[in-house]
Amino acid sequence: MRKVLLPLVAVTALAGCTSGQSGNCTLADMDSGVSVVWRPADFESSGGATIRVCVDGSCEERASGDPSDPMGMVSVRLPQDIGAKKVPVELTVTPVKGGSPVKDTEQAQLTEEHPNGKGCDPVAYVAGFRADPVKGLVSSEGFSLQGEKG
């Protein structure tokens, strides 16, 4: 019994060790940034689109994707220590079949996230939107992969 107990105590003690952080921290990683999500099926009538997102001067773009895919997403990474501040977000949706691009600009309020719990690294600052083929940037709150309701 003593041979089993001693290794368990050592493992428990090691599991509680974190580099200068209190409590047990998990090892999840998270980057600071702004993410924009969408349903590729929403862009089917325009033959798809290129979704370009710029945040505070940094840009990323991606094709809207196959309409049978449940979700598309593009993220723009920000400096890890950017803080909980407002940053400008620009969206450009360029339809594949021509037509006028949809352009929109919003201010994103970055919020502090602790993926491993309070007091554990990393601390990330994030915001999210949804890309709408007509309205541009809209809140991602209530985003559903099932399509619009009502």
C-alpha atoms as a PDB file:
ATOM      1  CA  MET A   1       0.000   0.000   0.000  1.00  0.00           C
ATOM      2  CA  ARG A   2       2.840   2.414   0.849  1.00  0.00           C
ATOM      3  CA  LYS A   3       4.462   1.834  -2.587  1.00  0.00           C
ATOM      4  CA  VAL A   4       1.241   2.911  -4.336  1.00  0.00           C
ATOM      5  CA  LEU A   5       0.476   5.884  -2.078  1.00  0.00           C
ATOM      6  CA  LEU A   6       3.852   7.604  -2.442  1.00  0.00           C
ATOM      7  CA  PRO A   7       3.713   7.884  -6.273  1.00  0.00           C
ATOM      8  CA  LEU A   8       0.115   9.171  -6.069  1.00  0.00           C
ATOM      9  CA  VAL A   9       1.176  11.912  -3.650  1.00  0.00           C
ATOM     10  CA  ALA A  10       4.081  12.872  -5.956  1.00  0.00           C
ATOM     11  CA  VAL A  11       1.786  13.014  -9.025  1.00  0.00           C
ATOM     12  CA  THR A  12      -0.785  15.089  -7.121  1.00  0.00           C
ATOM     13  CA  ALA A  13       1.897  17.507  -5.955  1.00  0.00           C
ATOM     14  CA  LEU A  14       3.270  17.884  -9.487  1.00  0.00           C
ATOM     15  CA  ALA A  15      -0.211  18.431 -10.955  1.00  0.00           C
ATOM     16  CA  GLY A  16      -0.686  21.405  -8.638  1.00  0.00           C
ATOM     17  CA  CYS A  17       2.601  23.005  -9.693  1.00  0.00           C
ATOM     18  CA  THR A  18       2.286  25.885 -12.061  1.00  0.00           C
ATOM     19  CA  SER A  19       4.865  28.487 -12.875  1.00  0.00           C
ATOM     20  CA  GLY A  20       3.876  31.243 -10.477  1.00  0.00           C
ATOM     21  CA  GLN A  21       0.131  30.701 -10.896  1.00  0.00           C
ATOM     22  CA  SER A  22      -2.335  29.780  -8.196  1.00  0.00           C
ATOM     23  CA  GLY A  23      -4.481  26.672  -8.410  1.00  0.00           C
ATOM     24  CA  ASN A  24      -4.555  24.034 -11.097  1.00  0.00           C
ATOM     25  CA  CYS A  25      -4.324  25.409 -14.609  1.00  0.00           C
ATOM     26  CA  THR A  26      -5.230  23.542 -17.763  1.00  0.00           C
ATOM     27  CA  LEU A  27      -3.081  23.851 -20.863  1.00  0.00           C
ATOM     28  CA  ALA A  28      -5.538  25.318 -23.373  1.00  0.00           C
ATOM     29  CA  ASP A  29      -4.075  27.935 -25.682  1.00  0.00           C
ATOM     30  CA  MET A  30      -5.874  30.999 -27.030  1.00  0.00           C
ATOM     31  CA  ASP A  31      -4.799  33.912 -29.194  1.00  0.00           C
ATOM     32  CA  SER A  32      -6.061  37.464 -29.004  1.00  0.00           C
ATOM     33  CA  GLY A  33      -8.047  38.436 -32.084  1.00  0.00           C
ATOM     34  CA  VAL A  34     -11.313  39.152 -33.833  1.00  0.00           C
ATOM     35  CA  SER A  35     -13.245  36.315 -35.491  1.00  0.00           C
ATOM     36  CA  VAL A  36     -15.998  36.532 -38.088  1.00  0.00           C
ATOM     37  CA  VAL A  37     -18.251  33.499 -38.667  1.00  0.00           C
ATOM     38  CA  TRP A  38     -20.889  32.762 -41.325  1.00  0.00           C
ATOM     39  CA  ARG A  39     -23.033  30.054 -42.876  1.00  0.00           C
ATOM     40  CA  PRO A  40     -21.631  29.325 -46.379  1.00  0.00           C
ATOM     41  CA  ALA A  41     -25.183  28.544 -47.540  1.00  0.00           C
ATOM     42  CA  ASP A  42     -26.049  32.233 -46.978  1.00  0.00           C
ATOM     43  CA  PHE A  43     -23.707  33.098 -49.876  1.00  0.00           C
ATOM     44  CA  GLU A  44     -24.940  30.390 -52.282  1.00  0.00           C
ATOM     45  CA  SER A  45     -27.082  32.731 -54.425  1.00  0.00           C
ATOM     46  CA  SER A  46     -24.015  34.843 -55.291  1.00  0.00           C
ATOM     47  CA  GLY A  47     -21.992  31.767 -56.229  1.00  0.00           C
ATOM     48  CA  GLY A  48     -20.010  32.174 -53.039  1.00  0.00           C
ATOM     49  CA  ALA A  49     -17.901  35.106 -51.948  1.00  0.00           C
ATOM     50  CA  THR A  50     -14.528  36.187 -50.684  1.00  0.00           C
ATOM     51  CA  ILE A  51     -14.741  37.325 -47.078  1.00  0.00           C
ATOM     52  CA  ARG A  52     -12.018  39.838 -46.124  1.00  0.00           C
ATOM     53  CA  VAL A  53     -11.664  41.051 -42.544  1.00  0.00           C
ATOM     54  CA  CYS A  54      -9.268  43.794 -41.442  1.00  0.00           C
ATOM     55  CA  VAL A  55      -8.659  44.693 -37.808  1.00  0.00           C
ATOM     56  CA  ASP A  56      -6.503  47.590 -36.777  1.00  0.00           C
ATOM     57  CA  GLY A  57      -4.529  47.378 -40.055  1.00  0.00           C
ATOM     58  CA  SER A  58      -4.076  43.563 -40.243  1.00  0.00           C
ATOM     59  CA  CYS A  59      -6.160  41.622 -42.776  1.00  0.00           C
ATOM     60  CA  GLU A  60      -7.153  38.020 -43.495  1.00  0.00           C
ATOM     61  CA  GLU A  61      -9.466  36.644 -46.181  1.00  0.00           C
ATOM     62  CA  ARG A  62     -11.118  33.385 -47.067  1.00  0.00           C
ATOM     63  CA  ALA A  63     -13.600  31.989 -49.554  1.00  0.00           C
ATOM     64  CA  SER A  64     -17.099  31.623 -48.131  1.00  0.00           C
ATOM     65  CA  GLY A  65     -16.885  27.857 -48.687  1.00  0.00           C
ATOM     66  CA  ASP A  66     -19.060  25.024 -49.845  1.00  0.00           C
ATOM     67  CA  PRO A  67     -22.769  25.650 -49.105  1.00  0.00           C
ATOM     68  CA  SER A  68     -22.980  22.161 -47.563  1.00  0.00           C
ATOM     69  CA  ASP A  69     -20.405  23.155 -44.905  1.00  0.00           C
ATOM     70  CA  PRO A  70     -22.104  24.224 -41.667  1.00  0.00           C
ATOM     71  CA  MET A  71     -19.821  27.139 -40.865  1.00  0.00           C
ATOM     72  CA  GLY A  72     -17.058  29.345 -42.223  1.00  0.00           C
ATOM     73  CA  MET A  73     -14.718  31.498 -40.199  1.00  0.00           C
ATOM     74  CA  VAL A  74     -11.814  33.889 -40.557  1.00  0.00           C
ATOM     75  CA  SER A  75      -9.804  35.301 -37.657  1.00  0.00           C
ATOM     76  CA  VAL A  76      -7.404  38.198 -37.458  1.00  0.00           C
ATOM     77  CA  ARG A  77      -4.798  37.746 -34.745  1.00  0.00           C
ATOM     78  CA  LEU A  78      -3.872  40.687 -32.564  1.00  0.00           C
ATOM     79  CA  PRO A  79      -0.976  41.246 -30.161  1.00  0.00           C
ATOM     80  CA  GLN A  80      -1.538  38.979 -27.162  1.00  0.00           C
ATOM     81  CA  ASP A  81      -1.314  41.877 -24.710  1.00  0.00           C
ATOM     82  CA  ILE A  82      -3.553  44.307 -26.650  1.00  0.00           C
ATOM     83  CA  GLY A  83      -5.922  44.772 -23.712  1.00  0.00           C
ATOM     84  CA  ALA A  84      -9.690  45.148 -23.442  1.00  0.00           C
ATOM     85  CA  LYS A  85     -10.105  48.077 -25.811  1.00  0.00           C
ATOM     86  CA  LYS A  86     -12.070  48.971 -28.933  1.00  0.00           C
ATOM     87  CA  VAL A  87     -10.540  48.225 -32.333  1.00  0.00           C
ATOM     88  CA  PRO A  88     -11.826  49.039 -35.843  1.00  0.00           C
ATOM     89  CA  VAL A  89     -13.079  46.065 -37.872  1.00  0.00           C
ATOM     90  CA  GLU A  90     -13.631  46.267 -41.634  1.00  0.00           C
ATOM     91  CA  LEU A  91     -15.496  43.621 -43.622  1.00  0.00           C
ATOM     92  CA  THR A  92     -15.596  43.284 -47.399  1.00  0.00           C
ATOM     93  CA  VAL A  93     -17.749  40.564 -48.975  1.00  0.00           C
ATOM     94  CA  THR A  94     -17.008  40.207 -52.695  1.00  0.00           C
ATOM     95  CA  PRO A  95     -19.523  37.984 -54.553  1.00  0.00           C
ATOM     96  CA  VAL A  96     -18.042  35.443 -56.987  1.00  0.00           C
ATOM     97  CA  LYS A  97     -20.755  36.068 -59.634  1.00  0.00           C
ATOM     98  CA  GLY A  98     -20.054  39.787 -59.731  1.00  0.00           C
ATOM     99  CA  GLY A  99     -22.307  42.351 -58.211  1.00  0.00           C
ATOM    100  CA  SER A 100     -21.356  45.011 -55.744  1.00  0.00           C
ATOM    101  CA  PRO A 101     -19.199  44.115 -52.772  1.00  0.00           C
ATOM    102  CA  VAL A 102     -20.738  44.591 -49.347  1.00  0.00           C
ATOM    103  CA  LYS A 103     -18.515  46.760 -47.149  1.00  0.00           C
ATOM    104  CA  ASP A 104     -19.044  47.444 -43.476  1.00  0.00           C
ATOM    105  CA  THR A 105     -17.064  48.879 -40.563  1.00  0.00           C
ATOM    106  CA  GLU A 106     -17.703  48.419 -36.858  1.00  0.00           C
ATOM    107  CA  GLN A 107     -15.891  48.974 -33.585  1.00  0.00           C
ATOM    108  CA  ALA A 108     -15.166  45.725 -31.734  1.00  0.00           C
ATOM    109  CA  GLN A 109     -14.960  45.810 -27.955  1.00  0.00           C
ATOM    110  CA  LEU A 110     -12.316  43.237 -27.036  1.00  0.00           C
ATOM    111  CA  THR A 111     -13.150  41.241 -23.926  1.00  0.00           C
ATOM    112  CA  GLU A 112     -10.694  39.487 -21.641  1.00  0.00           C
ATOM    113  CA  GLU A 113     -10.772  35.683 -21.758  1.00  0.00           C
ATOM    114  CA  HIS A 114      -9.035  33.150 -19.499  1.00  0.00           C
ATOM    115  CA  PRO A 115      -9.265  29.752 -21.270  1.00  0.00           C
ATOM    116  CA  ASN A 116      -7.497  28.034 -18.347  1.00  0.00           C
ATOM    117  CA  GLY A 117      -9.278  29.882 -15.564  1.00  0.00           C
ATOM    118  CA  LYS A 118      -8.648  33.120 -13.664  1.00  0.00           C
ATOM    119  CA  GLY A 119      -5.036  33.472 -12.576  1.00  0.00           C
ATOM    120  CA  CYS A 120      -3.763  31.160 -15.316  1.00  0.00           C
ATOM    121  CA  ASP A 121      -2.024  31.997 -18.577  1.00  0.00           C
ATOM    122  CA  PRO A 122      -2.798  32.833 -21.281  1.00  0.00           C
ATOM    123  CA  VAL A 123      -4.980  35.914 -21.100  1.00  0.00           C
ATOM    124  CA  ALA A 124      -6.516  36.683 -24.496  1.00  0.00           C
ATOM    125  CA  TYR A 125      -8.573  39.612 -25.754  1.00  0.00           C
ATOM    126  CA  VAL A 126     -11.255  38.624 -28.251  1.00  0.00           C
ATOM    127  CA  ALA A 127     -14.350  39.773 -30.125  1.00  0.00           C
ATOM    128  CA  GLY A 128     -16.624  38.115 -32.665  1.00  0.00           C
ATOM    129  CA  PHE A 129     -19.051  39.023 -35.426  1.00  0.00           C
ATOM    130  CA  ARG A 130     -21.130  37.267 -38.066  1.00  0.00           C
ATOM    131  CA  ALA A 131     -20.813  38.092 -41.779  1.00  0.00           C
ATOM    132  CA  ASP A 132     -24.171  38.667 -43.443  1.00  0.00           C
ATOM    133  CA  PRO A 133     -24.301  38.792 -47.285  1.00  0.00           C
ATOM    134  CA  VAL A 134     -26.568  41.879 -47.181  1.00  0.00           C
ATOM    135  CA  LYS A 135     -26.080  43.587 -43.797  1.00  0.00           C
ATOM    136  CA  GLY A 136     -22.307  43.120 -43.431  1.00  0.00           C
ATOM    137  CA  LEU A 137     -21.030  42.796 -39.860  1.00  0.00           C
ATOM    138  CA  VAL A 138     -23.702  41.765 -37.383  1.00  0.00           C
ATOM    139  CA  SER A 139     -23.621  40.408 -33.864  1.00  0.00           C
ATOM    140  CA  SER A 140     -22.642  36.757 -33.576  1.00  0.00           C
ATOM    141  CA  GLU A 141     -24.910  36.447 -30.537  1.00  0.00           C
ATOM    142  CA  GLY A 142     -27.449  33.735 -31.160  1.00  0.00           C
ATOM    143  CA  PHE A 143     -25.571  32.490 -34.265  1.00  0.00           C
ATOM    144  CA  SER A 144     -27.130  29.235 -35.352  1.00  0.00           C
ATOM    145  CA  LEU A 145     -25.944  26.750 -37.912  1.00  0.00           C
ATOM    146  CA  GLN A 146     -29.606  26.024 -38.673  1.00  0.00           C
ATOM    147  CA  GLY A 147     -30.223  29.219 -40.653  1.00  0.00           C
ATOM    148  CA  GLU A 148     -32.425  32.172 -39.911  1.00  0.00           C
ATOM    149  CA  LYS A 149     -35.512  31.617 -37.784  1.00  0.00           C
ATOM    150  CA  GLY A 150     -38.904  32.995 -38.594  1.00  0.00           C
END
